[in-house]
Amino acid sequence: PPPPPPPPFWGPWGSLPEPGPAAQLLPPPLCIACRGVPPAWATRLGDTDFLISKCCLPIFKAKPGKAKRVRTIFTSEQLARLEKEFARQQYMVGTERCLLASALCLTEEQVKVWFQNRRIKWRKQSLEQQQAKLARMGLSTPQR
């Protein structure tokens, strides 16, 4: 009899089937971190039938020990919900961040970084509005 197949790869999203007939029998899943991602955002991993979202693909293709950071492209629904939460509170931590990330099919890290970036944008907009108001009054402020 042929030797037993090698064990599946275990990663942060569970196991990946090895290429071959066994992989053909499995339904093509999406990685857990990206469930609910539209099929157009998914791609096949190598010669397998395993589907993975394009946002996670570089992690699997990266050299060991060198995880390439990928720019997250948020859906309009995700952005609307993130903006709504930001309007409610500018800082989100702990359980709230975990729940929001889960509801949006994002990682906590993605939500955390989005909030950090949004606070920077908010501060910049506030400063520009303040400078414009002072300019209309004939006053000026030193440029940063």
N, C-alpha and C. Protein backbone atom coordinates (compact mmCIF):
# COMPACT_ATOMS: atom_id res chain seq x y z
N PRO A 1 0.84 -1.21 0.00
CA PRO A 1 0.00 0.00 0.00
C PRO A 1 0.88 1.26 0.00
N PRO A 2 0.35 2.34 -0.55
CA PRO A 2 1.12 3.59 -0.58
C PRO A 2 1.29 4.15 0.83
N PRO A 3 2.32 4.96 1.03
CA PRO A 3 2.52 5.54 2.37
C PRO A 3 1.37 6.49 2.71
N PRO A 4 1.10 6.69 4.00
CA PRO A 4 0.00 7.60 4.37
C PRO A 4 0.34 9.02 3.96
N PRO A 5 -0.69 9.82 3.67
CA PRO A 5 -0.44 11.20 3.25
C PRO A 5 0.17 11.99 4.41
N PRO A 6 0.92 13.04 4.09
CA PRO A 6 1.49 13.86 5.16
C PRO A 6 0.38 14.58 5.91
N PRO A 7 0.63 14.96 7.16
CA PRO A 7 -0.41 15.67 7.92
C PRO A 7 -0.68 17.03 7.29
N PRO A 8 -1.90 17.54 7.49
CA PRO A 8 -2.22 18.85 6.92
C PRO A 8 -1.43 19.95 7.61
N PHE A 9 -1.27 21.07 6.91
CA PHE A 9 -0.62 22.23 7.49
C PHE A 9 -1.58 22.87 8.49
N TRP A 10 -1.08 23.18 9.67
CA TRP A 10 -1.90 23.87 10.66
C TRP A 10 -1.41 25.29 10.79
N GLY A 11 -2.29 26.22 10.62
CA GLY A 11 -1.93 27.63 10.73
C GLY A 11 -2.98 28.36 11.53
N PRO A 12 -2.96 29.66 11.52
CA PRO A 12 -3.92 30.43 12.30
C PRO A 12 -5.35 30.26 11.84
N TRP A 13 -5.56 29.69 10.65
CA TRP A 13 -6.92 29.53 10.14
C TRP A 13 -7.37 28.08 10.14
N GLY A 14 -6.63 27.19 10.77
CA GLY A 14 -7.00 25.78 10.76
C GLY A 14 -6.10 25.01 9.82
N SER A 15 -6.59 23.90 9.32
CA SER A 15 -5.74 23.07 8.48
C SER A 15 -6.02 23.32 7.00
N LEU A 16 -4.99 23.19 6.22
CA LEU A 16 -5.11 23.32 4.77
C LEU A 16 -4.95 21.94 4.16
N PRO A 17 -5.83 21.54 3.25
CA PRO A 17 -5.67 20.23 2.65
C PRO A 17 -4.45 20.19 1.74
N GLU A 18 -3.82 19.05 1.67
CA GLU A 18 -2.69 18.87 0.75
C GLU A 18 -3.24 18.73 -0.66
N PRO A 19 -2.47 19.09 -1.68
CA PRO A 19 -2.94 18.91 -3.05
C PRO A 19 -3.19 17.43 -3.33
N GLY A 20 -4.11 17.15 -4.17
CA GLY A 20 -4.38 15.76 -4.52
C GLY A 20 -5.85 15.43 -4.44
N PRO A 21 -6.19 14.14 -4.59
CA PRO A 21 -7.59 13.73 -4.64
C PRO A 21 -8.37 14.10 -3.38
N ALA A 22 -7.73 14.02 -2.21
CA ALA A 22 -8.46 14.32 -0.97
C ALA A 22 -8.93 15.77 -0.97
N ALA A 23 -8.12 16.66 -1.52
CA ALA A 23 -8.49 18.07 -1.55
C ALA A 23 -9.70 18.29 -2.45
N GLN A 24 -9.86 17.45 -3.46
CA GLN A 24 -10.98 17.61 -4.39
C GLN A 24 -12.31 17.31 -3.70
N LEU A 25 -12.29 16.51 -2.63
CA LEU A 25 -13.52 16.12 -1.97
C LEU A 25 -14.00 17.17 -0.97
N LEU A 26 -13.11 18.04 -0.54
CA LEU A 26 -13.47 19.02 0.47
C LEU A 26 -14.14 20.23 -0.17
N PRO A 27 -15.15 20.80 0.51
CA PRO A 27 -15.72 22.04 -0.02
C PRO A 27 -14.69 23.14 0.12
N PRO A 28 -14.65 24.08 -0.82
CA PRO A 28 -13.63 25.13 -0.74
C PRO A 28 -13.97 26.15 0.35
N PRO A 29 -13.32 26.07 1.52
CA PRO A 29 -13.63 27.02 2.60
C PRO A 29 -12.86 28.32 2.44
N LEU A 30 -13.29 29.33 3.14
CA LEU A 30 -12.53 30.57 3.25
C LEU A 30 -11.84 30.56 4.60
N CYS A 31 -10.76 31.29 4.73
CA CYS A 31 -10.07 31.32 6.01
C CYS A 31 -11.00 31.93 7.06
N ILE A 32 -10.86 31.49 8.29
CA ILE A 32 -11.76 31.89 9.36
C ILE A 32 -11.75 33.41 9.55
N ALA A 33 -10.58 34.02 9.42
CA ALA A 33 -10.48 35.47 9.63
C ALA A 33 -11.29 36.25 8.61
N CYS A 34 -11.61 35.64 7.48
CA CYS A 34 -12.28 36.38 6.40
C CYS A 34 -13.58 35.73 5.96
N ARG A 35 -14.24 35.00 6.82
CA ARG A 35 -15.54 34.42 6.44
C ARG A 35 -16.49 35.54 6.07
N GLY A 36 -17.32 35.31 5.10
CA GLY A 36 -18.25 36.32 4.64
C GLY A 36 -17.68 37.22 3.57
N VAL A 37 -16.41 37.02 3.25
CA VAL A 37 -15.80 37.81 2.18
C VAL A 37 -16.40 37.36 0.86
N PRO A 38 -16.79 38.29 -0.01
CA PRO A 38 -17.37 37.88 -1.29
C PRO A 38 -16.43 36.96 -2.07
N PRO A 39 -16.96 35.97 -2.80
CA PRO A 39 -16.11 35.04 -3.55
C PRO A 39 -15.14 35.74 -4.50
N ALA A 40 -15.51 36.90 -5.02
CA ALA A 40 -14.61 37.62 -5.93
C ALA A 40 -13.33 38.04 -5.22
N TRP A 41 -13.36 38.08 -3.89
CA TRP A 41 -12.19 38.48 -3.12
C TRP A 41 -11.35 37.28 -2.73
N ALA A 42 -11.72 36.09 -3.21
CA ALA A 42 -11.00 34.88 -2.83
C ALA A 42 -10.18 34.37 -4.01
N THR A 43 -9.17 33.61 -3.69
CA THR A 43 -8.33 33.02 -4.72
C THR A 43 -7.92 31.62 -4.26
N ARG A 44 -7.52 30.78 -5.20
CA ARG A 44 -7.09 29.42 -4.85
C ARG A 44 -5.67 29.46 -4.31
N LEU A 45 -5.42 28.62 -3.34
CA LEU A 45 -4.09 28.52 -2.75
C LEU A 45 -3.33 27.43 -3.48
N GLY A 46 -2.38 27.82 -4.32
CA GLY A 46 -1.58 26.85 -5.08
C GLY A 46 -2.43 26.01 -5.99
N ASP A 47 -2.14 24.70 -6.02
CA ASP A 47 -2.88 23.77 -6.87
C ASP A 47 -4.03 23.12 -6.12
N THR A 48 -4.37 23.61 -4.94
CA THR A 48 -5.44 23.00 -4.15
C THR A 48 -6.77 23.63 -4.49
N ASP A 49 -7.83 23.07 -3.94
CA ASP A 49 -9.16 23.66 -4.07
C ASP A 49 -9.45 24.57 -2.89
N PHE A 50 -8.46 24.79 -2.04
CA PHE A 50 -8.66 25.63 -0.87
C PHE A 50 -8.75 27.09 -1.29
N LEU A 51 -9.83 27.75 -0.91
CA LEU A 51 -9.99 29.17 -1.23
C LEU A 51 -9.56 29.99 -0.03
N ILE A 52 -8.85 31.03 -0.29
CA ILE A 52 -8.41 31.93 0.77
C ILE A 52 -8.65 33.35 0.29
N SER A 53 -9.02 34.23 1.21
CA SER A 53 -9.25 35.61 0.78
C SER A 53 -7.93 36.22 0.32
N LYS A 54 -8.03 37.11 -0.64
CA LYS A 54 -6.82 37.71 -1.20
C LYS A 54 -6.06 38.52 -0.16
N CYS A 55 -6.77 38.98 0.89
CA CYS A 55 -6.07 39.75 1.92
C CYS A 55 -5.15 38.86 2.75
N CYS A 56 -5.43 37.56 2.83
CA CYS A 56 -4.60 36.65 3.62
C CYS A 56 -3.57 35.91 2.77
N LEU A 57 -3.73 35.91 1.46
CA LEU A 57 -2.84 35.15 0.60
C LEU A 57 -1.37 35.50 0.78
N PRO A 58 -0.99 36.78 0.88
CA PRO A 58 0.44 37.08 1.04
C PRO A 58 1.05 36.46 2.30
N ILE A 59 0.26 36.23 3.32
CA ILE A 59 0.78 35.61 4.54
C ILE A 59 1.23 34.19 4.23
N PHE A 60 0.47 33.48 3.40
CA PHE A 60 0.82 32.11 3.06
C PHE A 60 1.97 32.04 2.07
N LYS A 61 2.11 33.06 1.23
CA LYS A 61 3.18 33.06 0.23
C LYS A 61 4.48 33.64 0.77
N ALA A 62 4.42 34.31 1.92
CA ALA A 62 5.61 34.95 2.47
C ALA A 62 6.63 33.91 2.90
N LYS A 63 7.89 34.34 2.94
CA LYS A 63 8.95 33.45 3.40
C LYS A 63 8.77 33.22 4.90
N PRO A 64 9.15 32.03 5.39
CA PRO A 64 9.00 31.75 6.82
C PRO A 64 9.70 32.83 7.66
N GLY A 65 9.00 33.28 8.69
CA GLY A 65 9.57 34.28 9.57
C GLY A 65 9.42 35.71 9.07
N LYS A 66 8.93 35.88 7.86
CA LYS A 66 8.76 37.22 7.31
C LYS A 66 7.32 37.39 6.82
N ALA A 67 6.42 37.73 7.73
CA ALA A 67 5.03 37.95 7.34
C ALA A 67 4.93 39.33 6.70
N LYS A 68 4.51 39.38 5.46
CA LYS A 68 4.38 40.65 4.74
C LYS A 68 3.10 41.34 5.20
N ARG A 69 3.22 42.60 5.54
CA ARG A 69 2.06 43.35 5.97
C ARG A 69 1.26 43.74 4.74
N VAL A 70 -0.04 43.53 4.81
CA VAL A 70 -0.92 43.77 3.67
C VAL A 70 -1.85 44.93 3.99
N ARG A 71 -2.04 45.80 3.02
CA ARG A 71 -2.98 46.90 3.20
C ARG A 71 -4.39 46.35 3.16
N THR A 72 -5.16 46.63 4.19
CA THR A 72 -6.53 46.15 4.27
C THR A 72 -7.44 47.05 3.43
N ILE A 73 -8.26 46.43 2.62
CA ILE A 73 -9.26 47.17 1.85
C ILE A 73 -10.61 46.87 2.49
N PHE A 74 -11.19 47.89 3.12
CA PHE A 74 -12.44 47.71 3.83
C PHE A 74 -13.62 47.82 2.86
N THR A 75 -14.67 47.06 3.13
CA THR A 75 -15.89 47.17 2.33
C THR A 75 -16.63 48.44 2.78
N SER A 76 -17.57 48.89 1.96
CA SER A 76 -18.34 50.09 2.33
C SER A 76 -19.15 49.85 3.60
N GLU A 77 -19.62 48.62 3.80
CA GLU A 77 -20.37 48.29 5.01
C GLU A 77 -19.47 48.35 6.24
N GLN A 78 -18.25 47.82 6.11
CA GLN A 78 -17.30 47.88 7.23
C GLN A 78 -16.96 49.33 7.57
N LEU A 79 -16.70 50.13 6.53
CA LEU A 79 -16.36 51.54 6.77
C LEU A 79 -17.51 52.29 7.43
N ALA A 80 -18.73 52.04 6.98
CA ALA A 80 -19.89 52.72 7.56
C ALA A 80 -20.00 52.39 9.05
N ARG A 81 -19.83 51.12 9.39
CA ARG A 81 -19.94 50.71 10.80
C ARG A 81 -18.78 51.27 11.62
N LEU A 82 -17.57 51.26 11.06
CA LEU A 82 -16.41 51.81 11.78
C LEU A 82 -16.60 53.31 12.02
N GLU A 83 -17.07 54.03 11.00
CA GLU A 83 -17.30 55.48 11.15
C GLU A 83 -18.38 55.75 12.20
N LYS A 84 -19.43 54.93 12.20
CA LYS A 84 -20.51 55.08 13.18
C LYS A 84 -19.97 54.90 14.59
N GLU A 85 -19.15 53.87 14.78
CA GLU A 85 -18.57 53.63 16.10
C GLU A 85 -17.60 54.74 16.49
N PHE A 86 -16.85 55.27 15.52
CA PHE A 86 -15.91 56.36 15.80
C PHE A 86 -16.67 57.62 16.23
N ALA A 87 -17.82 57.88 15.60
CA ALA A 87 -18.62 59.05 15.97
C ALA A 87 -19.14 58.90 17.41
N ARG A 88 -19.38 57.66 17.81
CA ARG A 88 -19.87 57.39 19.17
C ARG A 88 -18.74 57.52 20.19
N GLN A 89 -17.59 56.97 19.87
CA GLN A 89 -16.43 57.05 20.76
C GLN A 89 -15.15 56.91 19.94
N GLN A 90 -14.19 57.75 20.25
CA GLN A 90 -12.96 57.77 19.45
C GLN A 90 -11.96 56.70 19.88
N TYR A 91 -12.16 56.13 21.04
CA TYR A 91 -11.25 55.07 21.51
C TYR A 91 -12.05 53.81 21.76
N MET A 92 -11.61 52.70 21.19
CA MET A 92 -12.29 51.43 21.38
C MET A 92 -11.26 50.41 21.85
N VAL A 93 -11.54 49.80 22.99
CA VAL A 93 -10.59 48.84 23.56
C VAL A 93 -11.33 47.60 24.06
N GLY A 94 -10.55 46.57 24.34
CA GLY A 94 -11.05 45.37 25.00
C GLY A 94 -12.17 44.66 24.30
N THR A 95 -13.19 44.33 25.08
CA THR A 95 -14.30 43.52 24.60
C THR A 95 -15.03 44.19 23.44
N GLU A 96 -15.21 45.51 23.54
CA GLU A 96 -15.92 46.21 22.47
C GLU A 96 -15.20 46.06 21.13
N ARG A 97 -13.88 46.21 21.16
CA ARG A 97 -13.10 46.07 19.93
C ARG A 97 -13.19 44.65 19.40
N CYS A 98 -13.13 43.68 20.29
CA CYS A 98 -13.23 42.27 19.91
C CYS A 98 -14.58 41.99 19.25
N LEU A 99 -15.64 42.49 19.85
CA LEU A 99 -16.99 42.26 19.31
C LEU A 99 -17.17 42.94 17.96
N LEU A 100 -16.67 44.17 17.85
CA LEU A 100 -16.78 44.89 16.58
C LEU A 100 -15.99 44.17 15.49
N ALA A 101 -14.78 43.75 15.81
CA ALA A 101 -13.95 43.03 14.84
C ALA A 101 -14.66 41.77 14.36
N SER A 102 -15.23 41.04 15.30
CA SER A 102 -15.93 39.81 14.96
C SER A 102 -17.14 40.09 14.07
N ALA A 103 -17.89 41.13 14.41
CA ALA A 103 -19.09 41.48 13.63
C ALA A 103 -18.73 41.90 12.20
N LEU A 104 -17.54 42.48 12.04
CA LEU A 104 -17.14 42.98 10.72
C LEU A 104 -16.23 42.02 9.96
N CYS A 105 -15.99 40.83 10.53
CA CYS A 105 -15.08 39.85 9.91
C CYS A 105 -13.67 40.44 9.72
N LEU A 106 -13.23 41.18 10.73
CA LEU A 106 -11.89 41.76 10.74
C LEU A 106 -11.15 41.24 11.97
N THR A 107 -9.86 41.45 12.00
CA THR A 107 -9.10 41.11 13.20
C THR A 107 -9.14 42.30 14.14
N GLU A 108 -8.86 42.04 15.42
CA GLU A 108 -8.80 43.14 16.39
C GLU A 108 -7.72 44.13 15.99
N GLU A 109 -6.61 43.62 15.47
CA GLU A 109 -5.50 44.48 15.04
C GLU A 109 -5.95 45.43 13.93
N GLN A 110 -6.75 44.94 12.99
CA GLN A 110 -7.23 45.79 11.90
C GLN A 110 -8.14 46.90 12.44
N VAL A 111 -9.00 46.55 13.40
CA VAL A 111 -9.89 47.55 14.00
C VAL A 111 -9.06 48.57 14.79
N LYS A 112 -8.10 48.08 15.55
CA LYS A 112 -7.24 48.96 16.35
C LYS A 112 -6.50 49.96 15.46
N VAL A 113 -5.90 49.48 14.39
CA VAL A 113 -5.15 50.35 13.48
C VAL A 113 -6.08 51.32 12.77
N TRP A 114 -7.28 50.87 12.39
CA TRP A 114 -8.24 51.77 11.74
C TRP A 114 -8.57 52.92 12.68
N PHE A 115 -8.84 52.63 13.96
CA PHE A 115 -9.16 53.68 14.93
C PHE A 115 -7.97 54.62 15.12
N GLN A 116 -6.76 54.09 15.17
CA GLN A 116 -5.57 54.94 15.30
C GLN A 116 -5.47 55.90 14.12
N ASN A 117 -5.61 55.35 12.91
CA ASN A 117 -5.52 56.17 11.71
C ASN A 117 -6.65 57.20 11.64
N ARG A 118 -7.83 56.80 12.07
CA ARG A 118 -8.98 57.71 12.03
C ARG A 118 -8.81 58.86 13.02
N ARG A 119 -8.22 58.57 14.19
CA ARG A 119 -7.95 59.65 15.15
C ARG A 119 -6.94 60.64 14.58
N ILE A 120 -5.93 60.16 13.88
CA ILE A 120 -4.94 61.04 13.25
C ILE A 120 -5.63 61.93 12.21
N LYS A 121 -6.50 61.32 11.40
CA LYS A 121 -7.23 62.08 10.38
C LYS A 121 -8.12 63.14 11.04
N TRP A 122 -8.79 62.75 12.14
CA TRP A 122 -9.68 63.67 12.85
C TRP A 122 -8.90 64.86 13.40
N ARG A 123 -7.74 64.59 14.01
CA ARG A 123 -6.91 65.67 14.56
C ARG A 123 -6.45 66.63 13.45
N LYS A 124 -6.05 66.06 12.33
CA LYS A 124 -5.59 66.88 11.20
C LYS A 124 -6.72 67.76 10.68
N GLN A 125 -7.92 67.18 10.54
CA GLN A 125 -9.07 67.95 10.07
C GLN A 125 -9.43 69.06 11.07
N SER A 126 -9.37 68.75 12.35
CA SER A 126 -9.69 69.74 13.39
C SER A 126 -8.70 70.90 13.34
N LEU A 127 -7.42 70.58 13.18
CA LEU A 127 -6.39 71.62 13.11
C LEU A 127 -6.60 72.50 11.87
N GLU A 128 -6.90 71.87 10.73
CA GLU A 128 -7.13 72.64 9.50
C GLU A 128 -8.35 73.55 9.64
N GLN A 129 -9.41 73.06 10.29
CA GLN A 129 -10.61 73.88 10.49
C GLN A 129 -10.30 75.06 11.41
N GLN A 130 -9.51 74.80 12.44
CA GLN A 130 -9.14 75.85 13.38
C GLN A 130 -8.29 76.92 12.67
N GLN A 131 -7.35 76.49 11.84
CA GLN A 131 -6.50 77.43 11.11
C GLN A 131 -7.32 78.24 10.10
N ALA A 132 -8.27 77.60 9.45
CA ALA A 132 -9.13 78.30 8.49
C ALA A 132 -9.98 79.35 9.20
N LYS A 133 -10.48 79.01 10.38
CA LYS A 133 -11.30 79.94 11.16
C LYS A 133 -10.46 81.15 11.58
N LEU A 134 -9.24 80.90 12.03
CA LEU A 134 -8.35 82.00 12.42
C LEU A 134 -7.98 82.86 11.21
N ALA A 135 -7.78 82.23 10.07
CA ALA A 135 -7.44 82.98 8.85
C ALA A 135 -8.59 83.89 8.44
N ARG A 136 -9.83 83.41 8.59
CA ARG A 136 -11.01 84.23 8.26
C ARG A 136 -11.11 85.44 9.19
N MET A 137 -10.62 85.28 10.42
CA MET A 137 -10.65 86.37 11.40
C MET A 137 -9.45 87.30 11.24
N GLY A 138 -8.56 86.97 10.31
CA GLY A 138 -7.39 87.81 10.08
C GLY A 138 -6.21 87.46 10.96
N LEU A 139 -6.32 86.37 11.67
CA LEU A 139 -5.22 85.91 12.52
C LEU A 139 -4.54 84.74 11.84
N SER A 140 -3.33 84.48 12.21
CA SER A 140 -2.65 83.31 11.63
C SER A 140 -1.94 82.54 12.74
N THR A 141 -1.70 81.29 12.48
CA THR A 141 -0.99 80.45 13.43
C THR A 141 0.27 79.92 12.76
N PRO A 142 1.29 79.63 13.52
CA PRO A 142 2.50 79.06 12.90
C PRO A 142 2.21 77.69 12.30
N GLN A 143 2.80 77.45 11.13
CA GLN A 143 2.61 76.15 10.47
C GLN A 143 3.44 75.09 11.16
N ARG A 144 2.91 73.88 11.24
CA ARG A 144 3.63 72.75 11.84
C ARG A 144 4.45 72.07 10.81
